[in-house]
């Protein structure tokens, strides 16, 4: 007789639709209703009620609770300022609220119901989902080169009803298209995978898959991705790892001997040279930095857009007063106290992943685009799990 464990099934579905099939769902009136958001919205009330009734677990204060309290000033500022100024884009406002408010609270409430066994099950699911995303991404990349076409399953690997084609989602690099897997955009895939990489290197025992993940990030053909990958390697092997051996230094040098020529080769295929890596225009982002420098302490601009650099969005639509409260989203890096603790590898890896996203916020953070902040909030939860 087949017995379904509802709790384990929920964990599996949450991980699958946040990391393996993040763009599954439909788009109605220009607003994407992704499966992961629907799953969160439908399960959140039940989790909240169970947590409230569960022997005072929700009221119990811990480090994770302190982290959530630190986000409260930003939420109050965001709702107050945007309500006073008005909202010019309901779809974008929905994205901000889901990403910055609902998702962090959801993972906090869910953490009150997650046992150690559930965390282990989550990590197994996460490993397999990352493997799928990497394999599918490389398959699509090679398929496009070989046939000039993409393969997709509407409502599963792509959002059904979304008007923009896969080619048009800022994936063209001079005729060579970025690797984007089921994320439909190379930059979103790269940012999410680099966030997950520190945890993945802990749970993945097959180093071939780790190398495949790094290769897939390189094939996103994104300067941001290449820079983040380099920064991660520096963080992991030279800053946060105290045990630097001759063997590790040899491996790093060998990797650089492969990566540097590989990037130069990709630049040649894209019809670019090394100057592409040092674009003073920041890939078109420098043009809207003026919004940041011209922002006032309190914003009087209705919310209508989301820029790649989130600090520009916060400055324009909330005001400069919102910048410090926004940085509290990364307070778990300090509060979890595991950044240098090798005895807690999952928590440590999650914190490093959050650092990688913080670095990404200075270039291309995909703040409200699914599943970026879902992945970030999952890592926040894991940073407090050990």
Protein backbone atom coordinates (compact mmCIF):
# COMPACT_ATOMS: atom_id res chain seq x y z
CA UNK A 1 0.00 0.00 0.00
CA UNK A 2 1.38 3.36 -1.05
CA UNK A 3 1.61 5.81 1.86
CA UNK A 4 2.32 9.47 1.09
CA UNK A 5 4.09 11.51 3.73
CA UNK A 6 2.46 14.91 3.31
CA UNK A 7 5.27 16.80 5.06
CA UNK A 8 8.00 15.26 2.90
CA UNK A 9 5.88 15.82 -0.22
CA UNK A 10 5.47 19.50 0.66
CA UNK A 11 9.23 19.88 1.13
CA UNK A 12 9.87 18.20 -2.21
CA UNK A 13 7.33 20.37 -4.06
CA UNK A 14 8.69 23.54 -2.50
CA UNK A 15 12.25 22.74 -3.56
CA UNK A 16 11.25 21.52 -7.03
CA UNK A 17 9.22 24.61 -7.92
CA UNK A 18 11.75 27.04 -6.45
CA UNK A 19 14.94 25.58 -7.94
CA UNK A 20 14.18 23.01 -10.67
CA UNK A 21 11.03 24.46 -12.28
CA UNK A 22 10.85 28.06 -11.00
CA UNK A 23 9.11 29.48 -14.07
CA UNK A 24 6.28 26.94 -14.11
CA UNK A 25 2.82 28.50 -13.95
CA UNK A 26 0.71 30.90 -15.99
CA UNK A 27 0.64 34.61 -16.75
CA UNK A 28 -2.67 36.46 -16.42
CA UNK A 29 -2.93 40.06 -17.52
CA UNK A 30 0.83 40.40 -17.59
CA UNK A 31 1.15 39.15 -14.00
CA UNK A 32 3.00 35.81 -13.72
CA UNK A 33 1.33 33.38 -11.34
CA UNK A 34 4.22 31.01 -10.85
CA UNK A 35 3.60 27.65 -9.20
CA UNK A 36 6.01 28.41 -6.36
CA UNK A 37 4.11 31.60 -5.47
CA UNK A 38 0.79 29.74 -5.60
CA UNK A 39 2.22 27.00 -3.38
CA UNK A 40 3.46 29.57 -0.87
CA UNK A 41 0.20 31.55 -0.91
CA UNK A 42 -1.99 28.46 -0.44
CA UNK A 43 0.12 26.83 2.29
CA UNK A 44 1.06 29.94 4.25
CA UNK A 45 -2.26 30.33 6.19
CA UNK A 46 -2.16 26.68 7.31
CA UNK A 47 1.50 26.92 8.37
CA UNK A 48 0.78 30.11 10.29
CA UNK A 49 -2.17 28.59 12.15
CA UNK A 50 -0.20 25.43 13.00
CA UNK A 51 2.76 27.50 14.18
CA UNK A 52 0.50 29.64 16.38
CA UNK A 53 -1.06 26.56 17.94
CA UNK A 54 2.17 24.59 18.17
CA UNK A 55 3.16 24.89 21.85
CA UNK A 56 4.24 28.50 21.53
CA UNK A 57 6.88 27.87 18.87
CA UNK A 58 5.99 31.01 16.92
CA UNK A 59 6.28 33.20 20.01
CA UNK A 60 9.60 31.69 21.01
CA UNK A 61 12.42 34.14 20.33
CA UNK A 62 15.63 32.92 18.73
CA UNK A 63 18.26 34.28 16.34
CA UNK A 64 15.94 33.81 13.38
CA UNK A 65 13.27 35.82 15.22
CA UNK A 66 15.74 38.65 15.81
CA UNK A 67 16.46 38.66 12.08
CA UNK A 68 12.74 38.98 11.24
CA UNK A 69 12.31 41.83 13.73
CA UNK A 70 15.15 43.68 12.02
CA UNK A 71 13.19 43.61 8.74
CA UNK A 72 10.17 45.33 10.28
CA UNK A 73 11.44 48.94 9.79
CA UNK A 74 11.91 48.37 6.07
CA UNK A 75 8.46 46.83 5.68
CA UNK A 76 6.86 49.75 7.52
CA UNK A 77 8.73 52.29 5.37
CA UNK A 78 7.93 50.47 2.14
CA UNK A 79 4.20 50.18 2.79
CA UNK A 80 3.87 53.73 4.16
CA UNK A 81 5.79 55.48 1.36
CA UNK A 82 4.36 53.47 -1.53
CA UNK A 83 0.80 53.87 -0.26
CA UNK A 84 1.23 57.63 0.08
CA UNK A 85 2.88 58.03 -3.33
CA UNK A 86 0.65 55.63 -5.22
CA UNK A 87 1.32 52.60 -7.38
CA UNK A 88 1.67 52.85 -11.15
CA UNK A 89 2.28 49.12 -11.72
CA UNK A 90 0.17 46.60 -9.79
CA UNK A 91 2.18 43.70 -11.19
CA UNK A 92 5.50 45.11 -9.97
CA UNK A 93 4.01 46.04 -6.60
CA UNK A 94 2.77 42.47 -6.24
CA UNK A 95 6.31 41.29 -7.03
CA UNK A 96 7.84 43.55 -4.36
CA UNK A 97 5.36 42.48 -1.69
CA UNK A 98 5.73 38.78 -2.44
CA UNK A 99 9.53 38.85 -2.63
CA UNK A 100 10.39 41.22 0.21
CA UNK A 101 7.56 40.60 2.65
CA UNK A 102 5.57 37.39 2.12
CA UNK A 103 8.46 35.08 1.18
CA UNK A 104 10.76 35.95 4.15
CA UNK A 105 7.86 35.60 6.60
CA UNK A 106 6.78 32.33 4.96
CA UNK A 107 10.21 30.73 5.42
CA UNK A 108 10.39 31.97 9.00
CA UNK A 109 7.01 30.48 9.87
CA UNK A 110 7.83 27.30 8.00
CA UNK A 111 11.09 26.95 9.94
CA UNK A 112 9.03 26.54 13.11
CA UNK A 113 7.56 23.36 11.64
CA UNK A 114 10.72 21.95 10.02
CA UNK A 115 12.42 19.07 11.83
CA UNK A 116 16.01 17.94 11.38
CA UNK A 117 14.74 15.05 9.25
CA UNK A 118 12.85 17.48 7.02
CA UNK A 119 15.99 19.60 6.57
CA UNK A 120 17.93 16.51 5.51
CA UNK A 121 15.16 15.61 3.06
CA UNK A 122 15.20 19.20 1.77
CA UNK A 123 18.94 18.99 1.11
CA UNK A 124 18.57 15.72 -0.82
CA UNK A 125 15.81 17.28 -2.94
CA UNK A 126 17.92 20.42 -3.42
CA UNK A 127 20.89 18.39 -4.67
CA UNK A 128 18.76 16.55 -7.24
CA UNK A 129 17.00 19.75 -8.36
CA UNK A 130 20.30 21.56 -8.93
CA UNK A 131 21.52 18.56 -10.93
CA UNK A 132 18.38 18.76 -13.07
CA UNK A 133 18.74 22.52 -13.61
CA UNK A 134 22.39 22.11 -14.64
CA UNK A 135 21.75 19.17 -16.98
CA UNK A 136 18.70 20.77 -18.59
CA UNK A 137 20.55 24.05 -18.99
CA UNK A 138 23.53 22.48 -20.76
CA UNK A 139 21.13 20.43 -22.92
CA UNK A 140 19.21 23.56 -24.01
CA UNK A 141 22.43 25.46 -24.67
CA UNK A 142 23.78 22.74 -26.95
CA UNK A 143 20.37 22.18 -28.58
CA UNK A 144 20.16 25.85 -29.55
CA UNK A 145 23.62 25.71 -31.13
CA UNK A 146 22.87 22.48 -32.99
CA UNK A 147 19.32 23.20 -34.22
CA UNK A 148 18.73 26.92 -33.69
CA UNK A 149 15.65 26.04 -31.64
CA UNK A 150 14.72 25.70 -27.98
CA UNK A 151 12.68 22.96 -26.35
CA UNK A 152 10.11 24.01 -23.77
CA UNK A 153 7.06 22.68 -21.98
CA UNK A 154 4.61 25.57 -21.43
CA UNK A 155 3.46 25.97 -17.80
CA UNK A 156 6.31 23.72 -16.67
CA UNK A 157 9.66 24.92 -18.00
CA UNK A 158 8.22 28.27 -19.14
CA UNK A 159 5.38 30.45 -17.87
CA UNK A 160 2.29 29.76 -19.98
CA UNK A 161 0.89 32.98 -21.45
CA UNK A 162 4.11 34.99 -21.10
CA UNK A 163 4.50 37.05 -24.27
CA UNK A 164 8.29 37.35 -24.34
CA UNK A 165 10.08 34.53 -26.13
CA UNK A 166 13.12 32.76 -24.71
CA UNK A 167 15.33 34.43 -27.33
CA UNK A 168 14.02 37.89 -26.40
CA UNK A 169 14.61 37.61 -22.64
CA UNK A 170 17.95 39.45 -22.88
CA UNK A 171 19.66 36.15 -23.68
CA UNK A 172 21.25 37.02 -27.05
CA UNK A 173 25.03 37.53 -26.99
CA UNK A 174 25.85 38.32 -30.59
CA UNK A 175 24.12 35.27 -32.03
CA UNK A 176 25.25 32.98 -29.21
CA UNK A 177 22.51 32.55 -26.61
CA UNK A 178 23.04 32.39 -22.87
CA UNK A 179 22.51 29.23 -20.88
CA UNK A 180 19.42 29.74 -18.73
CA UNK A 181 17.95 26.27 -18.05
CA UNK A 182 14.41 26.47 -16.66
CA UNK A 183 15.03 30.00 -15.34
CA UNK A 184 14.36 31.53 -18.81
CA UNK A 185 17.05 34.18 -18.24
CA UNK A 186 20.80 33.67 -17.98
CA UNK A 187 21.42 36.29 -15.29
CA UNK A 188 18.66 34.96 -13.01
CA UNK A 189 20.01 31.43 -13.39
CA UNK A 190 23.57 32.55 -12.66
CA UNK A 191 22.67 34.57 -9.56
CA UNK A 192 20.55 31.76 -8.10
CA UNK A 193 23.10 29.02 -8.82
CA UNK A 194 25.98 31.02 -7.38
CA UNK A 195 23.91 31.60 -4.23
CA UNK A 196 23.27 27.86 -3.96
CA UNK A 197 26.81 26.77 -4.83
CA UNK A 198 28.32 26.99 -1.31
CA UNK A 199 25.61 24.67 0.05
CA UNK A 200 25.72 22.48 -3.05
CA UNK A 201 29.46 21.85 -2.69
CA UNK A 202 28.70 20.48 0.79
CA UNK A 203 25.85 18.15 -0.17
CA UNK A 204 27.18 17.07 -3.59
CA UNK A 205 29.78 14.32 -3.24
CA UNK A 206 30.30 13.89 -6.98
CA UNK A 207 32.77 16.61 -7.99
CA UNK A 208 31.84 16.16 -11.67
CA UNK A 209 28.44 17.75 -10.94
CA UNK A 210 30.13 20.64 -9.13
CA UNK A 211 32.35 21.26 -12.16
CA UNK A 212 29.26 20.99 -14.41
CA UNK A 213 27.55 23.65 -12.28
CA UNK A 214 30.54 25.97 -12.65
CA UNK A 215 30.59 25.33 -16.40
CA UNK A 216 26.87 26.13 -16.66
CA UNK A 217 27.46 29.43 -14.84
CA UNK A 218 30.25 30.32 -17.27
CA UNK A 219 27.96 29.51 -20.21
CA UNK A 220 25.44 32.10 -19.05
CA UNK A 221 27.84 34.49 -20.84
CA UNK A 222 27.24 37.06 -18.13
CA UNK A 223 29.94 39.38 -16.82
CA UNK A 224 28.12 39.46 -13.49
CA UNK A 225 28.14 35.66 -13.34
CA UNK A 226 31.84 35.42 -14.18
CA UNK A 227 32.72 38.03 -11.57
CA UNK A 228 30.58 36.35 -8.90
CA UNK A 229 32.10 32.96 -9.68
CA UNK A 230 35.60 34.40 -9.28
CA UNK A 231 34.63 36.15 -6.04
CA UNK A 232 33.10 32.93 -4.70
CA UNK A 233 36.32 31.02 -5.37
CA UNK A 234 38.32 33.73 -3.58
CA UNK A 235 35.89 33.69 -0.62
CA UNK A 236 35.75 29.92 -0.35
CA UNK A 237 39.38 29.00 -0.85
CA UNK A 238 41.32 32.04 0.31
CA UNK A 239 39.20 33.93 2.86
CA UNK A 240 36.75 31.64 4.67
CA UNK A 241 38.79 28.45 4.52
CA UNK A 242 41.62 28.59 7.00
CA UNK A 243 43.12 25.28 5.85
CA UNK A 244 44.92 26.30 2.65
CA UNK A 245 47.06 23.41 1.45
CA UNK A 246 49.52 23.16 -1.42
CA UNK A 247 47.09 20.76 -3.13
CA UNK A 248 44.27 23.33 -3.01
CA UNK A 249 46.53 26.06 -4.38
CA UNK A 250 47.52 23.78 -7.26
CA UNK A 251 43.85 23.06 -7.98
CA UNK A 252 43.04 26.79 -7.96
CA UNK A 253 45.89 27.55 -10.35
CA UNK A 254 44.83 24.69 -12.62
CA UNK A 255 41.23 25.94 -12.60
CA UNK A 256 42.37 29.45 -13.51
CA UNK A 257 44.40 28.05 -16.39
CA UNK A 258 41.18 26.51 -17.72
CA UNK A 259 38.73 29.29 -16.87
CA UNK A 260 40.69 32.27 -18.23
CA UNK A 261 41.29 30.79 -21.71
CA UNK A 262 37.70 29.51 -21.67
CA UNK A 263 36.32 33.02 -21.06
CA UNK A 264 38.59 34.49 -23.75
CA UNK A 265 37.36 31.80 -26.15
CA UNK A 266 33.71 32.59 -25.34
CA UNK A 267 34.39 36.28 -25.90
CA UNK A 268 35.72 35.44 -29.36
CA UNK A 269 32.62 33.41 -30.24
CA UNK A 270 30.46 36.32 -29.04
CA UNK A 271 32.41 38.72 -31.26
CA UNK A 272 33.79 40.58 -28.24
CA UNK A 273 37.23 41.26 -26.83
CA UNK A 274 38.55 41.73 -23.29
CA UNK A 275 37.11 45.27 -23.14
CA UNK A 276 33.68 43.61 -22.86
CA UNK A 277 34.62 42.63 -19.31
CA UNK A 278 35.29 46.23 -18.30
CA UNK A 279 32.26 48.03 -19.69
CA UNK A 280 32.11 51.44 -18.01
CA UNK A 281 28.41 51.61 -18.91
CA UNK A 282 27.79 48.55 -16.69
CA UNK A 283 25.77 46.87 -19.41
CA UNK A 284 23.42 49.86 -19.65
CA UNK A 285 22.93 50.14 -15.87
CA UNK A 286 25.03 53.27 -15.44
CA UNK A 287 22.32 55.30 -17.18
CA UNK A 288 19.87 54.95 -14.32
CA UNK A 289 22.33 55.45 -11.48
CA UNK A 290 21.33 59.11 -11.71
CA UNK A 291 18.05 58.14 -10.05
CA UNK A 292 20.08 57.03 -7.04
CA UNK A 293 22.16 60.20 -6.81
CA UNK A 294 19.15 62.46 -7.33
CA UNK A 295 16.96 60.68 -4.76
CA UNK A 296 15.74 62.49 -1.67
CA UNK A 297 15.54 61.28 1.90
CA UNK A 298 11.88 60.34 1.35
CA UNK A 299 10.55 59.41 -2.08
CA UNK A 300 7.61 61.11 -3.74
CA UNK A 301 7.66 58.90 -6.86
CA UNK A 302 4.93 56.31 -7.48
CA UNK A 303 6.27 52.78 -7.81
CA UNK A 304 6.47 51.85 -11.48
CA UNK A 305 9.69 49.88 -12.07
CA UNK A 306 12.33 47.57 -10.64
CA UNK A 307 15.95 48.19 -11.59
CA UNK A 308 18.69 45.55 -11.74
CA UNK A 309 20.51 47.32 -8.89
CA UNK A 310 18.02 47.23 -6.00
CA UNK A 311 19.53 50.25 -4.24
CA UNK A 312 18.38 52.39 -7.16
CA UNK A 313 14.83 51.07 -6.78
CA UNK A 314 14.84 51.61 -3.02
CA UNK A 315 16.23 55.15 -3.37
CA UNK A 316 13.73 56.17 -6.05
CA UNK A 317 10.55 54.56 -4.70
CA UNK A 318 11.17 54.57 -0.92
CA UNK A 319 13.93 57.13 -0.47
CA UNK A 320 17.49 57.14 0.82
CA UNK A 321 16.07 56.51 4.27
CA UNK A 322 15.23 52.98 3.16
CA UNK A 323 18.78 51.90 2.27
CA UNK A 324 20.00 50.96 5.76
CA UNK A 325 16.79 49.07 6.67
CA UNK A 326 17.07 47.19 3.35
CA UNK A 327 20.57 46.01 4.27
CA UNK A 328 19.03 44.23 7.26
CA UNK A 329 17.94 41.49 4.85
CA UNK A 330 21.59 40.40 5.02
CA UNK A 331 21.85 40.58 8.81
CA UNK A 332 21.63 36.78 9.05
CA UNK A 333 25.25 36.63 7.85
CA UNK A 334 26.24 38.03 11.24
CA UNK A 335 23.39 36.81 13.46
CA UNK A 336 23.73 33.13 12.45
CA UNK A 337 27.38 33.20 13.63
CA UNK A 338 28.49 30.38 11.35
CA UNK A 339 30.50 32.11 8.63
CA UNK A 340 33.81 30.74 9.90
CA UNK A 341 32.39 27.68 11.69
CA UNK A 342 33.37 24.60 9.67
CA UNK A 343 31.52 22.40 12.19
CA UNK A 344 28.25 23.75 10.74
CA UNK A 345 28.86 23.33 7.00
CA UNK A 346 25.26 23.85 5.82
CA UNK A 347 24.73 27.01 7.87
CA UNK A 348 28.17 28.27 6.82
CA UNK A 349 27.48 27.53 3.15
CA UNK A 350 24.11 29.28 3.37
CA UNK A 351 25.75 32.39 4.85
CA UNK A 352 28.37 32.46 2.09
CA UNK A 353 25.54 32.12 -0.44
CA UNK A 354 23.84 35.16 1.12
CA UNK A 355 27.11 37.09 0.85
CA UNK A 356 27.24 36.21 -2.83
CA UNK A 357 23.77 37.64 -3.30
CA UNK A 358 24.74 40.78 -1.40
CA UNK A 359 27.65 41.22 -3.84
CA UNK A 360 25.21 40.69 -6.74
CA UNK A 361 23.00 43.53 -5.49
CA UNK A 362 25.66 45.98 -6.67
CA UNK A 363 25.23 44.82 -10.26
CA UNK A 364 22.26 42.62 -11.17
CA UNK A 365 20.25 41.21 -8.28
CA UNK A 366 16.98 40.33 -10.09
CA UNK A 367 15.34 41.40 -6.84
CA UNK A 368 11.67 40.65 -7.52
CA UNK A 369 12.09 38.12 -10.32
CA UNK A 370 11.17 34.53 -9.51
CA UNK A 371 12.90 32.67 -7.93
CA UNK A 372 15.79 34.92 -6.80
CA UNK A 373 14.52 36.08 -3.43
CA UNK A 374 12.89 32.72 -2.78
CA UNK A 375 16.31 31.08 -3.09
CA UNK A 376 17.82 33.79 -0.91
CA UNK A 377 15.15 33.33 1.80
CA UNK A 378 15.64 29.56 1.68
CA UNK A 379 19.34 30.13 2.37
CA UNK A 380 18.48 32.48 5.22
CA UNK A 381 16.42 29.70 6.79
CA UNK A 382 19.26 27.19 6.28
CA UNK A 383 21.74 29.64 7.85
CA UNK A 384 19.79 29.23 11.11
CA UNK A 385 19.18 25.48 10.72
CA UNK A 386 22.24 24.12 12.53
